[in-house]
Amino acid sequence: MAAGVATMAATTVATMAAVEGITAGDFVQEVSSLGMHPESIIPSNTNLLEEEQNQRTTDRRVKANIKGELQDLREDVREEVAYLLGMESWIYGYPLVLMDVTRQVLTAAPAPNSEGTAAPINQLAKMPHYVSSYFKNVVRISLNSLWTTGWLDLGKEPIVFSVPYTGDRYYVMSVMSM
């Protein structure tokens, strides 16, 4: 009868060890305090200390794997953020670069030229004829309009721009700031 009670007590301690996370050393001490040898309730081919050591090794491996996966995730996030920032930079910056290149092309003349395609800054270039379909200085220019273009530098002072009365005709003026 005493052996049955001791076995039941040892089983309770083993269950506590599994549920409450008692270490193998604590388990051995509890079983010994009941007057039993741990080997009497643990199969001879099992060693709790080895199992605990294996569990610690497994825990270390799992932590290392998680750490490696987090590092991979961090690198993926950095790459994705860099890509998105590059796209935003392109979307924001490309029109500014294109406008500056257009300004350089259209102001690369010492005086307004006879074709009306270039004039220095703060002077107007007036095209005396409709634009040819081969004209590529400006993207998507209207081919059925007469054009007057100019780049004005308002950094030093304002510029007054006036146009003559056109009667029942109209004109379109675009003003852009860089």
C-alpha atoms as a PDB file:
ATOM      1  CA  MET A   1       0.000   0.000   0.000  1.00  0.00           C
ATOM      2  CA  ALA A   2       2.823   2.403   0.852  1.00  0.00           C
ATOM      3  CA  ALA A   3       4.404   1.712  -2.543  1.00  0.00           C
ATOM      4  CA  GLY A   4       1.093   2.616  -4.252  1.00  0.00           C
ATOM      5  CA  VAL A   5       0.818   5.884  -2.319  1.00  0.00           C
ATOM      6  CA  ALA A   6       4.441   6.722  -3.071  1.00  0.00           C
ATOM      7  CA  THR A   7       3.918   5.967  -6.764  1.00  0.00           C
ATOM      8  CA  MET A   8       0.802   8.141  -6.802  1.00  0.00           C
ATOM      9  CA  ALA A   9       2.711  10.952  -5.074  1.00  0.00           C
ATOM     10  CA  ALA A  10       5.571  10.615  -7.535  1.00  0.00           C
ATOM     11  CA  THR A  11       3.103  10.703 -10.436  1.00  0.00           C
ATOM     12  CA  THR A  12       1.620  13.891  -8.975  1.00  0.00           C
ATOM     13  CA  VAL A  13       5.086  15.416  -8.729  1.00  0.00           C
ATOM     14  CA  ALA A  14       5.799  14.374 -12.345  1.00  0.00           C
ATOM     15  CA  THR A  15       2.549  15.998 -13.463  1.00  0.00           C
ATOM     16  CA  MET A  16       3.444  19.161 -11.542  1.00  0.00           C
ATOM     17  CA  ALA A  17       6.818  19.116 -13.244  1.00  0.00           C
ATOM     18  CA  ALA A  18       5.183  18.964 -16.662  1.00  0.00           C
ATOM     19  CA  VAL A  19       2.430  21.520 -15.975  1.00  0.00           C
ATOM     20  CA  GLU A  20       4.195  24.012 -13.736  1.00  0.00           C
ATOM     21  CA  GLY A  21       7.609  23.859 -15.385  1.00  0.00           C
ATOM     22  CA  ILE A  22       9.499  22.381 -12.439  1.00  0.00           C
ATOM     23  CA  THR A  23      13.076  21.601 -13.407  1.00  0.00           C
ATOM     24  CA  ALA A  24      14.457  18.078 -13.436  1.00  0.00           C
ATOM     25  CA  GLY A  25      16.643  18.812 -10.406  1.00  0.00           C
ATOM     26  CA  ASP A  26      13.606  20.026  -8.410  1.00  0.00           C
ATOM     27  CA  PHE A  27      11.707  16.950  -9.526  1.00  0.00           C
ATOM     28  CA  VAL A  28      14.461  14.619  -8.310  1.00  0.00           C
ATOM     29  CA  GLN A  29      14.539  16.406  -4.936  1.00  0.00           C
ATOM     30  CA  GLU A  30      10.744  16.118  -4.548  1.00  0.00           C
ATOM     31  CA  VAL A  31      10.774  12.402  -5.354  1.00  0.00           C
ATOM     32  CA  SER A  32      13.684  11.852  -2.954  1.00  0.00           C
ATOM     33  CA  SER A  33      11.842  13.731  -0.193  1.00  0.00           C
ATOM     34  CA  LEU A  34       9.034  11.173  -0.553  1.00  0.00           C
ATOM     35  CA  GLY A  35      11.533   8.439   0.273  1.00  0.00           C
ATOM     36  CA  MET A  36      11.707   7.105  -3.278  1.00  0.00           C
ATOM     37  CA  HIS A  37      14.492   6.821  -5.769  1.00  0.00           C
ATOM     38  CA  PRO A  38      13.802   8.740  -8.997  1.00  0.00           C
ATOM     39  CA  GLU A  39      14.823   5.662 -10.989  1.00  0.00           C
ATOM     40  CA  SER A  40      11.847   3.767  -9.539  1.00  0.00           C
ATOM     41  CA  ILE A  41       9.310   5.993 -11.317  1.00  0.00           C
ATOM     42  CA  ILE A  42      11.359   7.081 -14.324  1.00  0.00           C
ATOM     43  CA  PRO A  43      12.049   4.444 -16.972  1.00  0.00           C
ATOM     44  CA  SER A  44      15.722   3.478 -16.955  1.00  0.00           C
ATOM     45  CA  ASN A  45      16.327   4.707 -20.518  1.00  0.00           C
ATOM     46  CA  THR A  46      15.136   8.260 -19.695  1.00  0.00           C
ATOM     47  CA  ASN A  47      17.172  10.869 -17.927  1.00  0.00           C
ATOM     48  CA  LEU A  48      15.331  14.070 -16.992  1.00  0.00           C
ATOM     49  CA  LEU A  49      18.536  16.082 -16.827  1.00  0.00           C
ATOM     50  CA  GLU A  50      19.395  15.128 -20.395  1.00  0.00           C
ATOM     51  CA  GLU A  51      15.861  15.992 -21.521  1.00  0.00           C
ATOM     52  CA  GLU A  52      16.118  19.368 -19.835  1.00  0.00           C
ATOM     53  CA  GLN A  53      19.481  20.002 -21.520  1.00  0.00           C
ATOM     54  CA  ASN A  54      17.992  18.956 -24.881  1.00  0.00           C
ATOM     55  CA  GLN A  55      15.060  21.300 -24.307  1.00  0.00           C
ATOM     56  CA  ARG A  56      17.435  24.190 -23.575  1.00  0.00           C
ATOM     57  CA  THR A  57      19.406  23.392 -26.741  1.00  0.00           C
ATOM     58  CA  THR A  58      16.173  23.289 -28.735  1.00  0.00           C
ATOM     59  CA  ASP A  59      15.072  26.587 -27.198  1.00  0.00           C
ATOM     60  CA  ARG A  60      18.403  28.163 -28.197  1.00  0.00           C
ATOM     61  CA  ARG A  61      18.012  26.869 -31.754  1.00  0.00           C
ATOM     62  CA  VAL A  62      14.446  28.191 -31.978  1.00  0.00           C
ATOM     63  CA  LYS A  63      15.592  31.590 -30.670  1.00  0.00           C
ATOM     64  CA  ALA A  64      18.462  31.631 -33.173  1.00  0.00           C
ATOM     65  CA  ASN A  65      16.063  30.758 -36.011  1.00  0.00           C
ATOM     66  CA  ILE A  66      13.636  33.468 -34.929  1.00  0.00           C
ATOM     67  CA  LYS A  67      16.495  35.959 -34.681  1.00  0.00           C
ATOM     68  CA  GLY A  68      17.658  35.021 -38.189  1.00  0.00           C
ATOM     69  CA  GLU A  69      14.127  35.346 -39.566  1.00  0.00           C
ATOM     70  CA  LEU A  70      13.729  38.741 -37.909  1.00  0.00           C
ATOM     71  CA  GLN A  71      17.043  39.846 -39.437  1.00  0.00           C
ATOM     72  CA  ASP A  72      15.828  38.690 -42.871  1.00  0.00           C
ATOM     73  CA  LEU A  73      12.550  40.518 -42.309  1.00  0.00           C
ATOM     74  CA  ARG A  74      14.412  43.685 -41.283  1.00  0.00           C
ATOM     75  CA  GLU A  75      16.469  43.524 -44.495  1.00  0.00           C
ATOM     76  CA  ASP A  76      13.317  42.952 -46.572  1.00  0.00           C
ATOM     77  CA  VAL A  77      11.611  45.935 -44.929  1.00  0.00           C
ATOM     78  CA  ARG A  78      14.666  48.144 -45.526  1.00  0.00           C
ATOM     79  CA  GLU A  79      14.734  47.124 -49.186  1.00  0.00           C
ATOM     80  CA  GLU A  80      11.007  47.794 -49.573  1.00  0.00           C
ATOM     81  CA  VAL A  81      11.292  51.199 -47.872  1.00  0.00           C
ATOM     82  CA  ALA A  82      14.261  52.114 -50.085  1.00  0.00           C
ATOM     83  CA  TYR A  83      12.254  51.127 -53.175  1.00  0.00           C
ATOM     84  CA  LEU A  84       9.242  53.211 -52.105  1.00  0.00           C
ATOM     85  CA  LEU A  85      11.414  56.226 -51.278  1.00  0.00           C
ATOM     86  CA  GLY A  86      13.090  55.891 -54.667  1.00  0.00           C
ATOM     87  CA  MET A  87       9.710  55.802 -56.394  1.00  0.00           C
ATOM     88  CA  GLU A  88       8.482  58.850 -54.474  1.00  0.00           C
ATOM     89  CA  SER A  89      11.709  60.690 -55.294  1.00  0.00           C
ATOM     90  CA  TRP A  90      11.298  59.866 -58.973  1.00  0.00           C
ATOM     91  CA  ILE A  91       7.639  60.946 -59.029  1.00  0.00           C
ATOM     92  CA  TYR A  92       8.442  64.210 -57.242  1.00  0.00           C
ATOM     93  CA  GLY A  93      11.794  64.963 -58.858  1.00  0.00           C
ATOM     94  CA  TYR A  94      11.348  63.947 -62.501  1.00  0.00           C
ATOM     95  CA  PRO A  95       9.014  66.828 -63.462  1.00  0.00           C
ATOM     96  CA  LEU A  96      11.411  69.313 -61.848  1.00  0.00           C
ATOM     97  CA  VAL A  97      14.377  67.886 -63.742  1.00  0.00           C
ATOM     98  CA  LEU A  98      12.416  67.802 -67.016  1.00  0.00           C
ATOM     99  CA  MET A  99      11.311  71.416 -66.534  1.00  0.00           C
ATOM    100  CA  ASP A 100      14.896  72.524 -65.834  1.00  0.00           C
ATOM    101  CA  VAL A 101      16.193  70.737 -68.944  1.00  0.00           C
ATOM    102  CA  THR A 102      13.445  72.410 -70.988  1.00  0.00           C
ATOM    103  CA  ARG A 103      14.441  75.800 -69.533  1.00  0.00           C
ATOM    104  CA  GLN A 104      18.088  75.201 -70.442  1.00  0.00           C
ATOM    105  CA  VAL A 105      17.157  74.298 -74.037  1.00  0.00           C
ATOM    106  CA  LEU A 106      14.744  77.206 -74.529  1.00  0.00           C
ATOM    107  CA  THR A 107      17.054  79.843 -72.989  1.00  0.00           C
ATOM    108  CA  ALA A 108      20.292  78.733 -74.674  1.00  0.00           C
ATOM    109  CA  ALA A 109      20.384  81.685 -77.054  1.00  0.00           C
ATOM    110  CA  PRO A 110      22.058  85.109 -76.699  1.00  0.00           C
ATOM    111  CA  ALA A 111      18.957  86.775 -78.252  1.00  0.00           C
ATOM    112  CA  PRO A 112      15.508  85.573 -79.413  1.00  0.00           C
ATOM    113  CA  ASN A 113      16.010  83.473 -82.544  1.00  0.00           C
ATOM    114  CA  SER A 114      14.074  83.945 -85.781  1.00  0.00           C
ATOM    115  CA  GLU A 115      12.144  80.691 -85.392  1.00  0.00           C
ATOM    116  CA  GLY A 116      10.860  81.727 -81.974  1.00  0.00           C
ATOM    117  CA  THR A 117      12.110  78.584 -80.260  1.00  0.00           C
ATOM    118  CA  ALA A 118      14.656  80.117 -77.895  1.00  0.00           C
ATOM    119  CA  ALA A 119      15.290  83.360 -76.023  1.00  0.00           C
ATOM    120  CA  PRO A 120      17.364  84.348 -73.003  1.00  0.00           C
ATOM    121  CA  ILE A 121      15.741  84.585 -69.586  1.00  0.00           C
ATOM    122  CA  ASN A 122      13.380  87.626 -69.248  1.00  0.00           C
ATOM    123  CA  GLN A 123      12.892  87.895 -73.039  1.00  0.00           C
ATOM    124  CA  LEU A 124      10.097  86.445 -75.178  1.00  0.00           C
ATOM    125  CA  ALA A 125      10.485  84.165 -78.192  1.00  0.00           C
ATOM    126  CA  LYS A 126       7.614  84.503 -80.723  1.00  0.00           C
ATOM    127  CA  MET A 127       7.044  81.755 -83.289  1.00  0.00           C
ATOM    128  CA  PRO A 128       5.967  83.406 -86.579  1.00  0.00           C
ATOM    129  CA  HIS A 129       4.332  80.212 -87.905  1.00  0.00           C
ATOM    130  CA  TYR A 130       2.568  77.064 -86.746  1.00  0.00           C
ATOM    131  CA  VAL A 131       4.730  74.474 -85.076  1.00  0.00           C
ATOM    132  CA  SER A 132       6.028  71.609 -87.217  1.00  0.00           C
ATOM    133  CA  SER A 133       5.185  68.066 -86.131  1.00  0.00           C
ATOM    134  CA  TYR A 134       8.953  67.483 -85.914  1.00  0.00           C
ATOM    135  CA  PHE A 135       9.365  70.067 -83.139  1.00  0.00           C
ATOM    136  CA  LYS A 136      10.658  68.144 -80.080  1.00  0.00           C
ATOM    137  CA  ASN A 137      11.969  70.867 -77.747  1.00  0.00           C
ATOM    138  CA  VAL A 138       8.824  70.703 -75.611  1.00  0.00           C
ATOM    139  CA  VAL A 139       6.800  67.608 -74.895  1.00  0.00           C
ATOM    140  CA  ARG A 140       3.303  67.508 -76.496  1.00  0.00           C
ATOM    141  CA  ILE A 141       3.112  71.023 -77.882  1.00  0.00           C
ATOM    142  CA  SER A 142      -0.089  72.001 -79.716  1.00  0.00           C
ATOM    143  CA  LEU A 143       0.486  72.050 -83.479  1.00  0.00           C
ATOM    144  CA  ASN A 144      -2.412  74.372 -84.403  1.00  0.00           C
ATOM    145  CA  SER A 145      -1.457  77.397 -82.294  1.00  0.00           C
ATOM    146  CA  LEU A 146       0.908  80.323 -82.566  1.00  0.00           C
ATOM    147  CA  TRP A 147       3.301  80.397 -79.641  1.00  0.00           C
ATOM    148  CA  THR A 148       5.171  82.993 -77.666  1.00  0.00           C
ATOM    149  CA  THR A 149       7.291  81.628 -74.849  1.00  0.00           C
ATOM    150  CA  GLY A 150       9.577  83.073 -72.237  1.00  0.00           C
ATOM    151  CA  TRP A 151      11.223  82.245 -68.958  1.00  0.00           C
ATOM    152  CA  LEU A 152      10.995  85.045 -66.416  1.00  0.00           C
ATOM    153  CA  ASP A 153      13.236  85.369 -63.365  1.00  0.00           C
ATOM    154  CA  LEU A 154      11.216  86.987 -60.580  1.00  0.00           C
ATOM    155  CA  GLY A 155      13.911  86.473 -57.940  1.00  0.00           C
ATOM    156  CA  LYS A 156      15.251  90.036 -58.002  1.00  0.00           C
ATOM    157  CA  GLU A 157      12.070  91.999 -58.759  1.00  0.00           C
ATOM    158  CA  PRO A 158       8.549  91.586 -60.145  1.00  0.00           C
ATOM    159  CA  ILE A 159       7.957  91.835 -63.879  1.00  0.00           C
ATOM    160  CA  VAL A 160       4.887  93.524 -65.384  1.00  0.00           C
ATOM    161  CA  PHE A 161       3.507  91.594 -68.325  1.00  0.00           C
ATOM    162  CA  SER A 162       0.876  93.270 -70.517  1.00  0.00           C
ATOM    163  CA  VAL A 163      -0.860  92.145 -73.706  1.00  0.00           C
ATOM    164  CA  PRO A 164      -2.696  94.232 -76.336  1.00  0.00           C
ATOM    165  CA  TYR A 165      -6.464  94.222 -76.739  1.00  0.00           C
ATOM    166  CA  THR A 166      -7.502  91.329 -78.979  1.00  0.00           C
ATOM    167  CA  GLY A 167     -11.161  92.160 -79.623  1.00  0.00           C
ATOM    168  CA  ASP A 168     -13.269  89.012 -79.855  1.00  0.00           C
ATOM    169  CA  ARG A 169     -10.243  86.738 -80.034  1.00  0.00           C
ATOM    170  CA  TYR A 170      -8.658  85.126 -76.985  1.00  0.00           C
ATOM    171  CA  TYR A 171      -5.273  83.948 -75.822  1.00  0.00           C
ATOM    172  CA  VAL A 172      -4.111  81.426 -73.264  1.00  0.00           C
ATOM    173  CA  MET A 173      -1.288  82.122 -70.860  1.00  0.00           C
ATOM    174  CA  SER A 174       0.331  79.510 -68.634  1.00  0.00           C
ATOM    175  CA  VAL A 175       2.328  80.594 -65.628  1.00  0.00           C
ATOM    176  CA  MET A 176       4.511  78.016 -63.907  1.00  0.00           C
ATOM    177  CA  SER A 177       6.852  78.291 -60.984  1.00  0.00           C
ATOM    178  CA  MET A 178       9.963  76.192 -60.465  1.00  0.00           C
END
